């Protein structure tokens, strides 16, 4: 019987992934909620990694328009300043740049929030520590942390400053460290208004290795040449798509661990989201992405705009209590639906192993 239940769980996961993959071609799956429906966020403090582009920018725009104090966390200050200028002008980001839709008088009169830049390089754990320290010196509360930034399918042979594969180091280790450092502040919120951690994942987590993460593969092999022009000699590194998949599996595991540890206490809501296939710079590392900019109709056929890709995480972050409690530890798929994550993510031991391993790595460098 247990074997049959396992098979059924995998079938449900595969079917749900196919239907809610976030590709516009699945024409009957569309958003039923918009950012205009989000409640007033005046007085809220929001932290968004990768807030200068893509879904992160759209998230910052939505919360700024709703009156929140929004921290754009990224490593390039000039790009962050440009993004903040565009947000103040009401610019919506797309595959080709910015557009400026007409706004109603009510929208123009709405009280705006406050924008702050904070330096964060997720590929460097020292930078993550400095970022968290700078934020904690400025703010006494944090209502929503969006672990939004990420990279996809970057070439093999690229590593973080501390020697972890670039995708896993950025998508998982960097965010794990940031969450850990900001966790005491997040947990200081009252149960009547618990803080939330929203972590971006992907349907691609389905293709992660057996067990979720091959930990040996994400640590730089000593035999790997420092000169990246030389042939790759690492024995254990996965190909770029498997590496991406295990990093996205890890992102869901982070959300589930937070729920296991703090959800029952009523002190925190943690949610993983799949944003849909959105037209952002996430695909910049893919050679075929650049030519698509010359074929707008094809872009619209296979991707959603960034503002649509941001809806899942904005919705998860603002859904009112008590409904929001039902999302705790869940994986949200396009659109505004609790999805079926890969069955092994329901294995608490595997989830706890991921968090513990990340903890152990951080201790080596701080």
Protein backbone atom coordinates (compact mmCIF):
# COMPACT_ATOMS: atom_id res chain seq x y z
CA UNK A 1 0.00 0.00 0.00
CA UNK A 2 2.82 2.41 0.92
CA UNK A 3 4.43 1.78 -2.46
CA UNK A 4 1.17 2.58 -4.26
CA UNK A 5 0.75 5.79 -2.27
CA UNK A 6 4.27 6.82 -3.24
CA UNK A 7 3.55 6.21 -6.91
CA UNK A 8 0.31 8.18 -6.65
CA UNK A 9 2.13 11.09 -5.01
CA UNK A 10 4.61 11.25 -7.89
CA UNK A 11 1.81 11.07 -10.47
CA UNK A 12 -0.02 13.95 -8.75
CA UNK A 13 3.20 15.96 -8.73
CA UNK A 14 3.89 15.40 -12.43
CA UNK A 15 0.33 16.24 -13.48
CA UNK A 16 0.23 19.36 -11.32
CA UNK A 17 3.61 20.46 -12.68
CA UNK A 18 2.44 20.06 -16.27
CA UNK A 19 -0.79 22.00 -15.74
CA UNK A 20 0.68 24.72 -13.54
CA UNK A 21 4.03 25.07 -15.26
CA UNK A 22 3.41 28.77 -15.79
CA UNK A 23 3.56 28.68 -19.58
CA UNK A 24 0.96 30.90 -21.31
CA UNK A 25 0.21 28.11 -23.80
CA UNK A 26 -1.73 26.42 -20.99
CA UNK A 27 -4.41 28.98 -21.77
CA UNK A 28 -6.91 28.05 -19.07
CA UNK A 29 -4.44 28.83 -16.24
CA UNK A 30 -4.48 32.58 -15.69
CA UNK A 31 -4.23 34.93 -12.68
CA UNK A 32 -7.47 35.63 -10.88
CA UNK A 33 -5.92 38.27 -8.63
CA UNK A 34 -4.00 41.49 -9.33
CA UNK A 35 -1.65 43.70 -7.34
CA UNK A 36 -4.34 46.39 -7.32
CA UNK A 37 -6.23 44.19 -4.86
CA UNK A 38 -3.47 44.14 -2.26
CA UNK A 39 -4.33 45.92 0.99
CA UNK A 40 -2.66 49.12 2.11
CA UNK A 41 0.93 48.45 3.23
CA UNK A 42 1.62 51.73 4.99
CA UNK A 43 3.90 51.12 7.96
CA UNK A 44 5.19 47.80 6.61
CA UNK A 45 8.90 47.14 6.03
CA UNK A 46 9.71 44.97 3.02
CA UNK A 47 13.05 43.47 1.96
CA UNK A 48 13.43 42.21 -1.63
CA UNK A 49 16.55 40.47 -2.93
CA UNK A 50 17.09 41.16 -6.62
CA UNK A 51 14.74 44.12 -6.38
CA UNK A 52 16.25 45.96 -9.33
CA UNK A 53 14.93 43.69 -12.08
CA UNK A 54 12.28 41.19 -13.15
CA UNK A 55 9.77 39.94 -10.61
CA UNK A 56 11.75 41.60 -7.82
CA UNK A 57 11.32 45.02 -9.42
CA UNK A 58 7.60 44.39 -9.95
CA UNK A 59 7.27 43.38 -6.30
CA UNK A 60 9.05 46.53 -5.14
CA UNK A 61 6.82 48.66 -7.39
CA UNK A 62 3.65 47.09 -6.00
CA UNK A 63 4.64 47.56 -2.36
CA UNK A 64 5.92 51.09 -2.93
CA UNK A 65 2.60 51.98 -4.54
CA UNK A 66 0.85 50.49 -1.52
CA UNK A 67 2.75 52.70 0.93
CA UNK A 68 5.45 50.38 2.31
CA UNK A 69 9.10 51.02 3.07
CA UNK A 70 10.88 48.86 0.51
CA UNK A 71 14.53 47.78 0.61
CA UNK A 72 15.96 46.89 -2.80
CA UNK A 73 18.81 44.49 -2.12
CA UNK A 74 21.27 43.95 -4.94
CA UNK A 75 24.99 44.25 -5.55
CA UNK A 76 24.99 47.02 -8.17
CA UNK A 77 24.09 50.39 -6.67
CA UNK A 78 23.74 52.18 -10.03
CA UNK A 79 21.21 49.58 -11.21
CA UNK A 80 19.34 49.88 -7.92
CA UNK A 81 19.22 53.68 -8.18
CA UNK A 82 17.93 53.41 -11.75
CA UNK A 83 15.25 50.95 -10.61
CA UNK A 84 14.17 53.27 -7.79
CA UNK A 85 13.88 56.19 -10.20
CA UNK A 86 11.67 54.11 -12.48
CA UNK A 87 9.53 52.91 -9.57
CA UNK A 88 8.89 56.49 -8.51
CA UNK A 89 7.81 57.28 -12.08
CA UNK A 90 5.47 54.27 -12.10
CA UNK A 91 7.43 52.39 -14.73
CA UNK A 92 6.58 48.73 -15.33
CA UNK A 93 9.49 46.54 -16.28
CA UNK A 94 9.37 44.22 -19.28
CA UNK A 95 11.65 42.23 -21.55
CA UNK A 96 12.61 45.36 -23.48
CA UNK A 97 12.90 47.95 -20.72
CA UNK A 98 10.22 50.08 -19.05
CA UNK A 99 6.72 51.17 -20.00
CA UNK A 100 4.51 53.78 -18.39
CA UNK A 101 0.85 52.78 -18.34
CA UNK A 102 -1.85 55.36 -17.77
CA UNK A 103 -2.91 55.60 -14.15
CA UNK A 104 -6.23 56.63 -12.71
CA UNK A 105 -6.54 59.71 -10.54
CA UNK A 106 -6.99 57.44 -7.53
CA UNK A 107 -3.73 55.67 -8.32
CA UNK A 108 -1.89 58.96 -8.76
CA UNK A 109 -3.23 60.31 -5.47
CA UNK A 110 -2.41 57.21 -3.47
CA UNK A 111 0.21 57.73 -0.79
CA UNK A 112 3.52 56.27 -1.90
CA UNK A 113 6.02 54.45 0.24
CA UNK A 114 9.76 54.82 0.74
CA UNK A 115 12.59 53.19 -1.21
CA UNK A 116 15.98 52.23 0.18
CA UNK A 117 18.97 50.61 -1.50
CA UNK A 118 21.00 48.06 0.44
CA UNK A 119 24.07 46.30 -0.94
CA UNK A 120 23.83 42.52 -1.17
CA UNK A 121 25.93 40.03 -3.11
CA UNK A 122 24.48 36.58 -2.58
CA UNK A 123 27.59 34.97 -4.06
CA UNK A 124 29.64 36.20 -1.10
CA UNK A 125 28.64 35.19 2.43
CA UNK A 126 30.68 38.08 3.84
CA UNK A 127 28.54 40.48 1.82
CA UNK A 128 25.40 38.79 3.13
CA UNK A 129 26.61 39.31 6.70
CA UNK A 130 27.36 42.98 6.06
CA UNK A 131 23.98 43.48 4.42
CA UNK A 132 22.11 41.93 7.35
CA UNK A 133 24.12 43.98 9.82
CA UNK A 134 23.40 47.21 7.92
CA UNK A 135 19.69 46.42 7.80
CA UNK A 136 19.49 45.55 11.50
CA UNK A 137 21.13 48.86 12.37
CA UNK A 138 18.47 50.72 10.37
CA UNK A 139 15.27 48.85 11.13
CA UNK A 140 13.60 47.45 14.24
CA UNK A 141 11.12 45.25 12.39
CA UNK A 142 10.78 43.32 9.15
CA UNK A 143 7.32 42.40 7.93
CA UNK A 144 8.14 40.55 4.70
CA UNK A 145 11.37 39.12 3.37
CA UNK A 146 11.31 38.18 -0.31
CA UNK A 147 14.13 35.75 -1.16
CA UNK A 148 13.46 36.60 -4.77
CA UNK A 149 16.85 36.85 -6.48
CA UNK A 150 18.19 33.92 -8.45
CA UNK A 151 20.17 32.74 -11.42
CA UNK A 152 19.40 29.97 -13.88
CA UNK A 153 21.48 27.54 -15.91
CA UNK A 154 24.73 29.48 -15.70
CA UNK A 155 27.71 27.63 -17.24
CA UNK A 156 29.47 24.95 -15.24
CA UNK A 157 32.75 25.92 -13.62
CA UNK A 158 31.56 29.13 -11.95
CA UNK A 159 31.74 29.46 -8.18
CA UNK A 160 30.89 31.79 -5.34
CA UNK A 161 33.61 33.58 -3.39
CA UNK A 162 33.59 30.80 -0.80
CA UNK A 163 33.89 28.05 -3.43
CA UNK A 164 30.35 26.76 -3.94
CA UNK A 165 28.77 26.24 -7.34
CA UNK A 166 27.34 29.55 -8.47
CA UNK A 167 23.70 28.55 -8.76
CA UNK A 168 23.41 26.67 -5.48
CA UNK A 169 25.56 29.22 -3.67
CA UNK A 170 23.38 32.09 -4.89
CA UNK A 171 19.92 30.56 -4.85
CA UNK A 172 20.21 28.57 -1.62
CA UNK A 173 23.29 29.27 0.52
CA UNK A 174 23.17 33.04 0.17
CA UNK A 175 19.47 33.19 0.97
CA UNK A 176 19.80 30.70 3.82
CA UNK A 177 22.45 32.90 5.43
CA UNK A 178 20.36 36.06 4.96
CA UNK A 179 17.24 34.43 6.42
CA UNK A 180 19.20 33.06 9.37
CA UNK A 181 20.62 36.48 10.24
CA UNK A 182 17.28 38.26 9.93
CA UNK A 183 15.29 35.49 11.61
CA UNK A 184 15.36 36.96 15.14
CA UNK A 185 13.89 40.19 13.78
CA UNK A 186 11.28 38.30 11.76
CA UNK A 187 10.28 36.29 14.83
CA UNK A 188 9.84 39.42 16.91
CA UNK A 189 6.56 40.23 15.16
CA UNK A 190 3.38 39.59 17.18
CA UNK A 191 1.30 36.46 16.43
CA UNK A 192 -1.55 38.75 15.41
CA UNK A 193 0.60 40.00 12.55
CA UNK A 194 3.38 37.46 11.91
CA UNK A 195 6.21 38.25 9.53
CA UNK A 196 6.49 36.33 6.29
CA UNK A 197 9.33 34.84 4.28
CA UNK A 198 8.55 34.30 0.60
CA UNK A 199 11.10 32.21 -1.31
CA UNK A 200 11.19 31.98 -5.10
CA UNK A 201 11.47 28.46 -6.48
CA UNK A 202 10.52 26.84 -9.77
CA UNK A 203 8.77 23.91 -11.38
CA UNK A 204 12.31 22.96 -12.31
CA UNK A 205 12.80 21.56 -8.81
CA UNK A 206 11.11 18.45 -10.16
CA UNK A 207 14.34 17.51 -11.97
CA UNK A 208 16.59 17.65 -8.89
CA UNK A 209 18.81 14.62 -8.21
CA UNK A 210 17.60 11.69 -6.17
CA UNK A 211 17.36 12.83 -2.57
CA UNK A 212 16.97 16.46 -3.56
CA UNK A 213 20.55 17.74 -3.32
CA UNK A 214 23.88 16.14 -4.15
CA UNK A 215 25.88 17.99 -1.51
CA UNK A 216 29.20 16.76 -2.80
CA UNK A 217 28.50 18.37 -6.15
CA UNK A 218 28.07 21.93 -4.87
CA UNK A 219 31.50 22.26 -3.22
CA UNK A 220 34.34 23.24 -5.50
CA UNK A 221 36.60 20.32 -6.31
CA UNK A 222 40.25 21.19 -5.42
CA UNK A 223 41.32 19.85 -8.80
CA UNK A 224 39.13 22.35 -10.63
CA UNK A 225 41.32 24.91 -12.46
CA UNK A 226 41.07 28.53 -11.35
CA UNK A 227 41.46 29.54 -14.97
CA UNK A 228 37.94 29.00 -16.32
CA UNK A 229 39.21 28.96 -19.90
CA UNK A 230 40.85 25.63 -19.20
CA UNK A 231 38.89 22.38 -19.47
CA UNK A 232 36.67 21.67 -16.48
CA UNK A 233 38.21 19.03 -14.23
CA UNK A 234 35.73 18.92 -11.34
CA UNK A 235 34.74 15.35 -10.60
CA UNK A 236 31.36 15.94 -9.00
CA UNK A 237 29.81 19.09 -10.44
CA UNK A 238 26.42 18.57 -12.07
CA UNK A 239 25.42 19.92 -15.45
CA UNK A 240 23.89 23.40 -15.34
CA UNK A 241 20.24 22.27 -15.49
CA UNK A 242 20.57 19.63 -12.75
CA UNK A 243 22.41 22.22 -10.65
CA UNK A 244 19.56 24.67 -11.18
CA UNK A 245 16.99 22.01 -10.30
CA UNK A 246 18.62 21.07 -7.02
CA UNK A 247 18.93 24.73 -6.05
CA UNK A 248 15.20 25.20 -6.59
CA UNK A 249 14.50 22.02 -4.58
CA UNK A 250 16.61 23.58 -1.86
CA UNK A 251 14.57 26.79 -1.94
CA UNK A 252 11.35 24.90 -1.21
CA UNK A 253 13.14 23.00 1.55
CA UNK A 254 14.13 26.31 3.18
CA UNK A 255 10.49 27.39 3.31
CA UNK A 256 9.41 24.04 4.73
CA UNK A 257 12.10 24.08 7.41
CA UNK A 258 11.00 27.52 8.58
CA UNK A 259 7.45 26.22 8.86
CA UNK A 260 8.54 23.11 10.78
CA UNK A 261 10.51 25.18 13.26
CA UNK A 262 8.38 28.29 13.68
CA UNK A 263 5.02 27.86 11.97
CA UNK A 264 3.31 26.08 14.84
CA UNK A 265 4.36 28.85 17.20
CA UNK A 266 2.35 31.36 15.20
CA UNK A 267 5.40 33.56 14.80
CA UNK A 268 6.22 33.18 11.12
CA UNK A 269 4.66 32.32 7.78
CA UNK A 270 7.04 30.88 5.18
CA UNK A 271 6.02 30.10 1.62
CA UNK A 272 7.79 28.94 -1.55
CA UNK A 273 6.47 30.19 -4.88
CA UNK A 274 6.82 29.31 -8.53
CA UNK A 275 6.40 32.64 -10.38
CA UNK A 276 5.52 31.15 -13.80
CA UNK A 277 7.68 31.44 -16.87
CA UNK A 278 8.20 35.20 -16.85
CA UNK A 279 10.03 37.41 -19.33
CA UNK A 280 12.93 38.54 -17.15
CA UNK A 281 16.71 38.60 -17.28
CA UNK A 282 16.81 35.24 -15.50
CA UNK A 283 17.43 33.63 -18.88
CA UNK A 284 20.31 35.93 -19.83
CA UNK A 285 22.76 33.05 -19.52
CA UNK A 286 20.92 31.16 -22.26
CA UNK A 287 22.18 31.88 -25.75
CA UNK A 288 18.76 31.68 -27.38
CA UNK A 289 17.16 34.29 -25.08
CA UNK A 290 18.66 37.46 -26.61
CA UNK A 291 17.24 36.94 -30.15
CA UNK A 292 13.74 36.64 -28.68
CA UNK A 293 13.76 40.38 -28.01
CA UNK A 294 13.27 40.85 -31.75
CA UNK A 295 10.19 38.60 -31.79
CA UNK A 296 7.67 40.14 -29.37
CA UNK A 297 4.79 37.85 -30.36
CA UNK A 298 6.89 34.79 -29.54
CA UNK A 299 7.88 36.22 -26.16
CA UNK A 300 4.18 36.76 -25.37
CA UNK A 301 3.38 33.23 -26.50
CA UNK A 302 5.82 31.48 -24.17
CA UNK A 303 6.25 33.86 -21.22
CA UNK A 304 4.20 36.10 -18.96
CA UNK A 305 5.21 39.69 -18.20
CA UNK A 306 7.32 40.19 -15.08
CA UNK A 307 4.43 41.90 -13.29
CA UNK A 308 2.37 38.73 -13.75
CA UNK A 309 5.27 36.58 -12.58
CA UNK A 310 5.39 38.63 -9.39
CA UNK A 311 1.72 38.06 -8.52
CA UNK A 312 2.18 34.74 -6.74
CA UNK A 313 4.67 36.14 -4.26
CA UNK A 314 2.77 39.41 -3.73
CA UNK A 315 -0.45 37.47 -3.13
CA UNK A 316 1.25 35.05 -0.72
CA UNK A 317 2.79 37.97 1.15
CA UNK A 318 -0.44 39.94 1.58
CA UNK A 319 -3.21 37.35 1.89
CA UNK A 320 -5.08 38.16 5.08
CA UNK A 321 -5.16 36.00 8.18
CA UNK A 322 -6.39 33.42 8.92
CA UNK A 323 -6.28 32.30 5.26
CA UNK A 324 -2.54 32.97 5.08
CA UNK A 325 -1.88 30.31 7.72
CA UNK A 326 -3.05 27.66 5.25
CA UNK A 327 -0.17 28.64 2.96
CA UNK A 328 2.49 28.11 5.62
CA UNK A 329 5.17 25.72 4.37
CA UNK A 330 3.39 25.31 1.05
CA UNK A 331 4.55 25.64 -2.55
CA UNK A 332 2.41 28.09 -4.55
CA UNK A 333 2.10 27.60 -8.30
CA UNK A 334 0.56 29.68 -11.12
CA UNK A 335 -1.68 31.14 -10.23
CA UNK A 336 -2.51 31.67 -6.56
CA UNK A 337 -2.85 27.94 -5.98
CA UNK A 338 -1.24 25.53 -3.54
CA UNK A 339 0.80 23.24 -5.74
CA UNK A 340 2.12 19.71 -5.41
CA UNK A 341 5.84 19.85 -4.70
CA UNK A 342 8.04 16.84 -5.35
CA UNK A 343 7.06 14.15 -2.83
CA UNK A 344 10.50 13.91 -1.23
CA UNK A 345 10.05 17.48 0.00
CA UNK A 346 7.55 16.03 2.48
CA UNK A 347 10.39 14.09 4.06
CA UNK A 348 11.18 16.15 7.14
CA UNK A 349 14.60 14.52 7.56
CA UNK A 350 15.67 15.63 4.09
CA UNK A 351 14.42 19.15 4.72
CA UNK A 352 16.26 19.34 8.05
CA UNK A 353 19.38 17.93 6.42
CA UNK A 354 19.38 20.78 3.90
CA UNK A 355 19.11 23.46 6.59
CA UNK A 356 21.72 21.80 8.81
CA UNK A 357 24.15 21.45 5.92
CA UNK A 358 23.77 25.14 5.05
CA UNK A 359 24.36 26.01 8.71
CA UNK A 360 27.55 23.98 8.72
CA UNK A 361 28.85 25.71 5.61
CA UNK A 362 28.19 29.16 7.03
CA UNK A 363 30.17 28.33 10.18
CA UNK A 364 33.25 27.72 8.04
CA UNK A 365 33.34 31.32 6.87
CA UNK A 366 31.93 33.48 9.66
